[in-house]
């Protein structure tokens, strides 16, 4: 998905730049003078987990899949090349975890499907170049508060009862790049982002059940992923 997105952005940019040099029609000339503007985005994501261990006795394989993200954009102009941006939205994805442990014999024990729907509230800084005809590349990065609606954190059952649990309240950071394309009636802004968890998201199994072959050896368990966002202003 990442390579496809990069090719798409590159081809779109080259085509647009060629057309602009040919006729030199400048769209939305006063758009960047606004102090505040609004928009929305939709797109795809592919999420995985970064996992570290206390020792090498247990190994977890994560199989990522493609999900979706959708949300709103609020943009505050701080400088002609610097914007502060809020992008609240929903992100949904499913991952499959395979636990390799000699004590886990059946598929019911060794496989967990992790369904997660997050409310994400990223606060980002956008650094843009000067505009070139109807194209304006930018870098973007910041931090996000993520609420996991599917966490199961308050569920008393754990992996001994086939329930995999994650924390409700999480924090991530993201960094990426994109291009603003100024079109006659709106601005199209595709971007690609890397998203990385800051805190450990795993809720360990209950110690009263004894040593857990699922979570007992996990030192850190956090989301990481790639987001393709298609924004419209």
C-alpha atoms as a PDB file:
ATOM      1  CA  UNK A   1       0.000   0.000   0.000  1.00  0.00           C
ATOM      2  CA  UNK A   2       2.874   2.383   0.803  1.00  0.00           C
ATOM      3  CA  UNK A   3       4.551   1.966  -2.607  1.00  0.00           C
ATOM      4  CA  UNK A   4       1.242   2.369  -4.432  1.00  0.00           C
ATOM      5  CA  UNK A   5       0.505   5.574  -2.544  1.00  0.00           C
ATOM      6  CA  UNK A   6       3.915   7.053  -3.322  1.00  0.00           C
ATOM      7  CA  UNK A   7       3.572   6.241  -7.030  1.00  0.00           C
ATOM      8  CA  UNK A   8       0.079   7.740  -7.067  1.00  0.00           C
ATOM      9  CA  UNK A   9       1.217  11.006  -5.461  1.00  0.00           C
ATOM     10  CA  UNK A  10       4.269  11.245  -7.731  1.00  0.00           C
ATOM     11  CA  UNK A  11       2.333  10.666 -10.971  1.00  0.00           C
ATOM     12  CA  UNK A  12      -0.435  13.062  -9.952  1.00  0.00           C
ATOM     13  CA  UNK A  13       2.102  15.741  -9.078  1.00  0.00           C
ATOM     14  CA  UNK A  14       4.103  15.425 -12.300  1.00  0.00           C
ATOM     15  CA  UNK A  15       0.937  15.481 -14.422  1.00  0.00           C
ATOM     16  CA  UNK A  16      -0.424  18.520 -12.611  1.00  0.00           C
ATOM     17  CA  UNK A  17       2.879  20.387 -12.819  1.00  0.00           C
ATOM     18  CA  UNK A  18       3.139  19.740 -16.561  1.00  0.00           C
ATOM     19  CA  UNK A  19      -0.366  21.029 -17.148  1.00  0.00           C
ATOM     20  CA  UNK A  20       0.292  24.118 -15.040  1.00  0.00           C
ATOM     21  CA  UNK A  21       3.466  25.013 -16.938  1.00  0.00           C
ATOM     22  CA  UNK A  22       1.545  24.689 -20.167  1.00  0.00           C
ATOM     23  CA  UNK A  23      -1.280  27.111 -19.353  1.00  0.00           C
ATOM     24  CA  UNK A  24      -0.089  28.710 -16.052  1.00  0.00           C
ATOM     25  CA  UNK A  25      -3.585  29.053 -14.607  1.00  0.00           C
ATOM     26  CA  UNK A  26      -3.234  29.704 -10.865  1.00  0.00           C
ATOM     27  CA  UNK A  27      -6.155  28.429  -8.790  1.00  0.00           C
ATOM     28  CA  UNK A  28      -7.181  29.487  -5.286  1.00  0.00           C
ATOM     29  CA  UNK A  29      -4.715  32.357  -5.141  1.00  0.00           C
ATOM     30  CA  UNK A  30      -5.989  33.761  -1.826  1.00  0.00           C
ATOM     31  CA  UNK A  31      -6.555  30.421  -0.093  1.00  0.00           C
ATOM     32  CA  UNK A  32      -3.303  30.417   1.890  1.00  0.00           C
ATOM     33  CA  UNK A  33      -4.041  33.870   3.317  1.00  0.00           C
ATOM     34  CA  UNK A  34      -6.869  32.488   5.483  1.00  0.00           C
ATOM     35  CA  UNK A  35      -6.223  32.275   9.227  1.00  0.00           C
ATOM     36  CA  UNK A  36      -8.529  29.295   9.780  1.00  0.00           C
ATOM     37  CA  UNK A  37     -10.019  26.795   7.373  1.00  0.00           C
ATOM     38  CA  UNK A  38     -11.801  23.437   7.563  1.00  0.00           C
ATOM     39  CA  UNK A  39     -11.828  20.214   5.631  1.00  0.00           C
ATOM     40  CA  UNK A  40     -12.246  16.468   5.850  1.00  0.00           C
ATOM     41  CA  UNK A  41     -10.256  13.360   4.997  1.00  0.00           C
ATOM     42  CA  UNK A  42     -10.699   9.689   4.266  1.00  0.00           C
ATOM     43  CA  UNK A  43      -8.208   6.975   3.526  1.00  0.00           C
ATOM     44  CA  UNK A  44      -6.680   3.598   4.274  1.00  0.00           C
ATOM     45  CA  UNK A  45      -4.336   2.292   6.919  1.00  0.00           C
ATOM     46  CA  UNK A  46      -2.230  -0.769   7.539  1.00  0.00           C
ATOM     47  CA  UNK A  47      -1.427  -1.392  11.190  1.00  0.00           C
ATOM     48  CA  UNK A  48       0.886  -3.798  12.943  1.00  0.00           C
ATOM     49  CA  UNK A  49       2.433  -4.115  16.400  1.00  0.00           C
ATOM     50  CA  UNK A  50       5.916  -3.469  17.710  1.00  0.00           C
ATOM     51  CA  UNK A  51       6.601  -6.148  20.335  1.00  0.00           C
ATOM     52  CA  UNK A  52       9.599  -6.603  22.608  1.00  0.00           C
ATOM     53  CA  UNK A  53      10.163  -9.416  25.104  1.00  0.00           C
ATOM     54  CA  UNK A  54      11.652 -10.004  28.514  1.00  0.00           C
ATOM     55  CA  UNK A  55      13.406 -13.100  27.105  1.00  0.00           C
ATOM     56  CA  UNK A  56      13.239 -15.242  23.968  1.00  0.00           C
ATOM     57  CA  UNK A  57      10.935 -17.995  25.260  1.00  0.00           C
ATOM     58  CA  UNK A  58       7.843 -16.690  23.516  1.00  0.00           C
ATOM     59  CA  UNK A  59       7.440 -15.222  20.043  1.00  0.00           C
ATOM     60  CA  UNK A  60       4.356 -13.481  18.647  1.00  0.00           C
ATOM     61  CA  UNK A  61       3.745 -13.040  14.925  1.00  0.00           C
ATOM     62  CA  UNK A  62       1.397 -10.244  13.905  1.00  0.00           C
ATOM     63  CA  UNK A  63      -0.447 -10.401  10.592  1.00  0.00           C
ATOM     64  CA  UNK A  64      -1.592  -6.896   9.579  1.00  0.00           C
ATOM     65  CA  UNK A  65      -4.551  -6.047   7.374  1.00  0.00           C
ATOM     66  CA  UNK A  66      -5.887  -2.970   5.621  1.00  0.00           C
ATOM     67  CA  UNK A  67      -8.407  -0.755   7.441  1.00  0.00           C
ATOM     68  CA  UNK A  68      -9.986   2.642   6.922  1.00  0.00           C
ATOM     69  CA  UNK A  69      -9.798   6.102   8.482  1.00  0.00           C
ATOM     70  CA  UNK A  70     -12.107   9.104   8.178  1.00  0.00           C
ATOM     71  CA  UNK A  71     -12.248  12.447   9.949  1.00  0.00           C
ATOM     72  CA  UNK A  72     -12.341  16.238   9.982  1.00  0.00           C
ATOM     73  CA  UNK A  73      -9.622  18.881   9.655  1.00  0.00           C
ATOM     74  CA  UNK A  74      -9.241  22.190  11.449  1.00  0.00           C
ATOM     75  CA  UNK A  75      -6.259  24.278  10.314  1.00  0.00           C
ATOM     76  CA  UNK A  76      -4.774  27.392  11.946  1.00  0.00           C
ATOM     77  CA  UNK A  77      -2.265  29.474   9.939  1.00  0.00           C
ATOM     78  CA  UNK A  78       0.673  30.527  12.153  1.00  0.00           C
ATOM     79  CA  UNK A  79       3.021  31.660   9.386  1.00  0.00           C
ATOM     80  CA  UNK A  80       2.990  31.576   5.602  1.00  0.00           C
ATOM     81  CA  UNK A  81       4.769  28.200   5.764  1.00  0.00           C
ATOM     82  CA  UNK A  82       3.617  26.884   9.162  1.00  0.00           C
ATOM     83  CA  UNK A  83       0.159  25.631  10.146  1.00  0.00           C
ATOM     84  CA  UNK A  84      -1.188  24.073  13.324  1.00  0.00           C
ATOM     85  CA  UNK A  85      -3.652  21.323  12.499  1.00  0.00           C
ATOM     86  CA  UNK A  86      -6.222  19.238  14.407  1.00  0.00           C
ATOM     87  CA  UNK A  87      -7.445  16.067  12.653  1.00  0.00           C
ATOM     88  CA  UNK A  88     -10.025  14.235  14.837  1.00  0.00           C
ATOM     89  CA  UNK A  89     -11.342  11.060  13.268  1.00  0.00           C
ATOM     90  CA  UNK A  90     -12.008   7.320  13.411  1.00  0.00           C
ATOM     91  CA  UNK A  91      -9.554   4.589  12.494  1.00  0.00           C
ATOM     92  CA  UNK A  92     -10.509   0.914  12.259  1.00  0.00           C
ATOM     93  CA  UNK A  93      -8.391  -2.156  11.632  1.00  0.00           C
ATOM     94  CA  UNK A  94      -8.071  -5.880  12.443  1.00  0.00           C
ATOM     95  CA  UNK A  95      -4.842  -7.743  13.226  1.00  0.00           C
ATOM     96  CA  UNK A  96      -4.271 -11.470  13.775  1.00  0.00           C
ATOM     97  CA  UNK A  97      -1.746 -12.578  16.396  1.00  0.00           C
ATOM     98  CA  UNK A  98      -0.101 -16.011  16.280  1.00  0.00           C
ATOM     99  CA  UNK A  99       1.449 -17.148  19.581  1.00  0.00           C
ATOM    100  CA  UNK A 100       4.300 -19.636  19.253  1.00  0.00           C
ATOM    101  CA  UNK A 101       4.563 -21.431  22.553  1.00  0.00           C
ATOM    102  CA  UNK A 102       4.854 -25.143  23.280  1.00  0.00           C
ATOM    103  CA  UNK A 103       2.126 -24.915  25.920  1.00  0.00           C
ATOM    104  CA  UNK A 104      -0.402 -23.604  23.384  1.00  0.00           C
ATOM    105  CA  UNK A 105      -1.619 -26.560  21.370  1.00  0.00           C
ATOM    106  CA  UNK A 106      -4.989 -25.723  19.832  1.00  0.00           C
ATOM    107  CA  UNK A 107      -5.713 -22.911  17.336  1.00  0.00           C
ATOM    108  CA  UNK A 108      -8.148 -21.470  19.875  1.00  0.00           C
ATOM    109  CA  UNK A 109      -5.221 -20.985  22.251  1.00  0.00           C
ATOM    110  CA  UNK A 110      -2.572 -19.835  19.776  1.00  0.00           C
ATOM    111  CA  UNK A 111      -4.518 -17.334  17.626  1.00  0.00           C
ATOM    112  CA  UNK A 112      -6.114 -14.037  18.643  1.00  0.00           C
ATOM    113  CA  UNK A 113      -7.976 -11.671  16.326  1.00  0.00           C
ATOM    114  CA  UNK A 114      -7.510  -8.102  17.571  1.00  0.00           C
ATOM    115  CA  UNK A 115     -10.277  -5.814  16.328  1.00  0.00           C
ATOM    116  CA  UNK A 116      -9.675  -2.161  17.113  1.00  0.00           C
ATOM    117  CA  UNK A 117     -11.607   1.020  16.392  1.00  0.00           C
ATOM    118  CA  UNK A 118      -9.913   4.184  17.612  1.00  0.00           C
ATOM    119  CA  UNK A 119     -11.044   7.743  18.093  1.00  0.00           C
ATOM    120  CA  UNK A 120      -7.873   9.609  17.128  1.00  0.00           C
ATOM    121  CA  UNK A 121      -7.252  13.279  17.956  1.00  0.00           C
ATOM    122  CA  UNK A 122      -3.913  14.268  16.390  1.00  0.00           C
ATOM    123  CA  UNK A 123      -2.408  17.707  17.004  1.00  0.00           C
ATOM    124  CA  UNK A 124       0.029  18.336  14.159  1.00  0.00           C
ATOM    125  CA  UNK A 125       2.425  20.920  12.779  1.00  0.00           C
ATOM    126  CA  UNK A 126       2.451  21.297   8.994  1.00  0.00           C
ATOM    127  CA  UNK A 127       5.588  22.747   7.362  1.00  0.00           C
ATOM    128  CA  UNK A 128       4.961  23.751   3.754  1.00  0.00           C
ATOM    129  CA  UNK A 129       7.256  24.890   0.979  1.00  0.00           C
ATOM    130  CA  UNK A 130       6.458  27.972  -1.066  1.00  0.00           C
ATOM    131  CA  UNK A 131       3.765  27.357  -3.636  1.00  0.00           C
ATOM    132  CA  UNK A 132       4.864  26.290  -7.142  1.00  0.00           C
ATOM    133  CA  UNK A 133       2.001  27.054  -9.517  1.00  0.00           C
ATOM    134  CA  UNK A 134      -0.795  24.823  -8.123  1.00  0.00           C
ATOM    135  CA  UNK A 135       1.399  22.475  -6.106  1.00  0.00           C
ATOM    136  CA  UNK A 136       2.709  22.809  -2.566  1.00  0.00           C
ATOM    137  CA  UNK A 137       4.618  19.930  -0.889  1.00  0.00           C
ATOM    138  CA  UNK A 138       4.725  19.714   2.900  1.00  0.00           C
ATOM    139  CA  UNK A 139       5.977  17.781   5.905  1.00  0.00           C
ATOM    140  CA  UNK A 140       3.641  17.067   8.813  1.00  0.00           C
ATOM    141  CA  UNK A 141       4.100  15.585  12.272  1.00  0.00           C
ATOM    142  CA  UNK A 142       2.861  15.634  15.848  1.00  0.00           C
ATOM    143  CA  UNK A 143       1.215  13.632  18.607  1.00  0.00           C
ATOM    144  CA  UNK A 144      -2.217  12.068  19.027  1.00  0.00           C
ATOM    145  CA  UNK A 145      -4.521  10.893  21.796  1.00  0.00           C
ATOM    146  CA  UNK A 146      -6.170   7.603  20.754  1.00  0.00           C
ATOM    147  CA  UNK A 147      -9.219   6.111  22.490  1.00  0.00           C
ATOM    148  CA  UNK A 148      -9.675   2.392  21.776  1.00  0.00           C
ATOM    149  CA  UNK A 149     -13.393   1.512  21.684  1.00  0.00           C
ATOM    150  CA  UNK A 150     -12.529  -2.205  21.375  1.00  0.00           C
ATOM    151  CA  UNK A 151      -9.965  -2.397  24.169  1.00  0.00           C
ATOM    152  CA  UNK A 152     -11.675  -4.916  26.540  1.00  0.00           C
ATOM    153  CA  UNK A 153      -9.620  -3.296  29.324  1.00  0.00           C
ATOM    154  CA  UNK A 154     -12.464  -3.544  31.867  1.00  0.00           C
ATOM    155  CA  UNK A 155     -13.307  -7.138  30.982  1.00  0.00           C
ATOM    156  CA  UNK A 156     -12.386  -9.420  33.913  1.00  0.00           C
ATOM    157  CA  UNK A 157     -11.841 -12.310  31.481  1.00  0.00           C
ATOM    158  CA  UNK A 158      -8.391 -12.605  29.905  1.00  0.00           C
ATOM    159  CA  UNK A 159      -6.546 -14.878  27.480  1.00  0.00           C
ATOM    160  CA  UNK A 160      -7.234 -17.883  29.713  1.00  0.00           C
ATOM    161  CA  UNK A 161     -10.855 -17.220  28.673  1.00  0.00           C
ATOM    162  CA  UNK A 162      -9.900 -16.368  25.034  1.00  0.00           C
ATOM    163  CA  UNK A 163     -10.139 -12.591  25.647  1.00  0.00           C
ATOM    164  CA  UNK A 164      -7.252 -10.430  24.437  1.00  0.00           C
ATOM    165  CA  UNK A 165      -7.192  -7.028  26.152  1.00  0.00           C
ATOM    166  CA  UNK A 166      -5.657  -3.663  25.311  1.00  0.00           C
ATOM    167  CA  UNK A 167      -5.735  -0.270  27.013  1.00  0.00           C
ATOM    168  CA  UNK A 168      -8.426   2.319  26.305  1.00  0.00           C
ATOM    169  CA  UNK A 169      -6.275   5.436  26.538  1.00  0.00           C
ATOM    170  CA  UNK A 170      -3.201   5.608  24.329  1.00  0.00           C
ATOM    171  CA  UNK A 171      -0.799   8.104  22.794  1.00  0.00           C
ATOM    172  CA  UNK A 172       0.969   7.994  19.455  1.00  0.00           C
ATOM    173  CA  UNK A 173       3.225  10.178  17.373  1.00  0.00           C
ATOM    174  CA  UNK A 174       3.099  10.461  13.607  1.00  0.00           C
ATOM    175  CA  UNK A 175       5.219  11.925  10.853  1.00  0.00           C
ATOM    176  CA  UNK A 176       4.729  12.090   7.124  1.00  0.00           C
ATOM    177  CA  UNK A 177       4.657  14.133   3.963  1.00  0.00           C
ATOM    178  CA  UNK A 178       2.139  15.148   1.333  1.00  0.00           C
ATOM    179  CA  UNK A 179       1.278  17.558  -1.439  1.00  0.00           C
ATOM    180  CA  UNK A 180      -1.441  20.219  -1.724  1.00  0.00           C
ATOM    181  CA  UNK A 181      -2.916  20.305  -5.227  1.00  0.00           C
ATOM    182  CA  UNK A 182      -4.829  23.524  -5.909  1.00  0.00           C
ATOM    183  CA  UNK A 183      -7.764  22.687  -8.170  1.00  0.00           C
ATOM    184  CA  UNK A 184     -10.479  25.005  -9.559  1.00  0.00           C
ATOM    185  CA  UNK A 185     -13.089  24.231  -6.886  1.00  0.00           C
ATOM    186  CA  UNK A 186     -11.181  22.697  -3.963  1.00  0.00           C
ATOM    187  CA  UNK A 187      -7.760  21.635  -2.702  1.00  0.00           C
ATOM    188  CA  UNK A 188      -6.857  17.953  -2.880  1.00  0.00           C
ATOM    189  CA  UNK A 189      -4.177  16.957  -0.377  1.00  0.00           C
ATOM    190  CA  UNK A 190      -2.932  13.338  -0.354  1.00  0.00           C
ATOM    191  CA  UNK A 191      -0.400  12.404   2.316  1.00  0.00           C
ATOM    192  CA  UNK A 192       1.254   9.340   3.750  1.00  0.00           C
ATOM    193  CA  UNK A 193       1.993   9.063   7.476  1.00  0.00           C
ATOM    194  CA  UNK A 194       3.864   6.741   9.787  1.00  0.00           C
ATOM    195  CA  UNK A 195       2.076   6.265  13.140  1.00  0.00           C
ATOM    196  CA  UNK A 196       3.835   4.857  16.227  1.00  0.00           C
ATOM    197  CA  UNK A 197       2.570   4.127  19.751  1.00  0.00           C
ATOM    198  CA  UNK A 198       4.263   5.889  22.644  1.00  0.00           C
ATOM    199  CA  UNK A 199       2.856   3.905  25.567  1.00  0.00           C
ATOM    200  CA  UNK A 200       2.557   0.142  26.096  1.00  0.00           C
ATOM    201  CA  UNK A 201      -1.001  -0.771  25.012  1.00  0.00           C
ATOM    202  CA  UNK A 202      -1.192  -4.311  26.375  1.00  0.00           C
ATOM    203  CA  UNK A 203      -3.293  -5.303  29.391  1.00  0.00           C
ATOM    204  CA  UNK A 204      -1.566  -8.319  30.974  1.00  0.00           C
ATOM    205  CA  UNK A 205      -3.451 -11.443  31.954  1.00  0.00           C
ATOM    206  CA  UNK A 206      -4.562 -11.922  35.550  1.00  0.00           C
ATOM    207  CA  UNK A 207      -1.727 -13.131  37.752  1.00  0.00           C
ATOM    208  CA  UNK A 208      -4.170 -15.177  39.830  1.00  0.00           C
ATOM    209  CA  UNK A 209      -4.407 -17.586  36.887  1.00  0.00           C
ATOM    210  CA  UNK A 210      -0.678 -18.245  37.025  1.00  0.00           C
ATOM    211  CA  UNK A 211       2.013 -17.433  34.478  1.00  0.00           C
ATOM    212  CA  UNK A 212       0.481 -16.341  31.176  1.00  0.00           C
ATOM    213  CA  UNK A 213       1.931 -17.895  27.985  1.00  0.00           C
ATOM    214  CA  UNK A 214       0.332 -15.024  26.039  1.00  0.00           C
ATOM    215  CA  UNK A 215       1.412 -11.881  27.901  1.00  0.00           C
ATOM    216  CA  UNK A 216       3.826 -12.992  30.643  1.00  0.00           C
ATOM    217  CA  UNK A 217       6.924 -12.542  28.508  1.00  0.00           C
ATOM    218  CA  UNK A 218       5.899  -9.301  26.759  1.00  0.00           C
ATOM    219  CA  UNK A 219       7.918  -6.234  27.738  1.00  0.00           C
ATOM    220  CA  UNK A 220       6.338  -3.759  25.286  1.00  0.00           C
ATOM    221  CA  UNK A 221       3.348  -3.993  22.944  1.00  0.00           C
ATOM    222  CA  UNK A 222       2.419  -0.969  20.825  1.00  0.00           C
ATOM    223  CA  UNK A 223       0.718  -0.087  17.566  1.00  0.00           C
ATOM    224  CA  UNK A 224       2.635   1.028  14.503  1.00  0.00           C
ATOM    225  CA  UNK A 225       1.209   1.627  11.073  1.00  0.00           C
ATOM    226  CA  UNK A 226       1.076   3.447   7.770  1.00  0.00           C
ATOM    227  CA  UNK A 227      -1.805   5.810   6.961  1.00  0.00           C
ATOM    228  CA  UNK A 228      -2.768   7.056   3.512  1.00  0.00           C
ATOM    229  CA  UNK A 229      -4.920  10.162   3.886  1.00  0.00           C
ATOM    230  CA  UNK A 230      -6.845  11.897   1.105  1.00  0.00           C
ATOM    231  CA  UNK A 231      -7.857  15.338   2.345  1.00  0.00           C
ATOM    232  CA  UNK A 232     -10.229  17.848   0.780  1.00  0.00           C
ATOM    233  CA  UNK A 233     -10.469  21.543   1.684  1.00  0.00           C
END
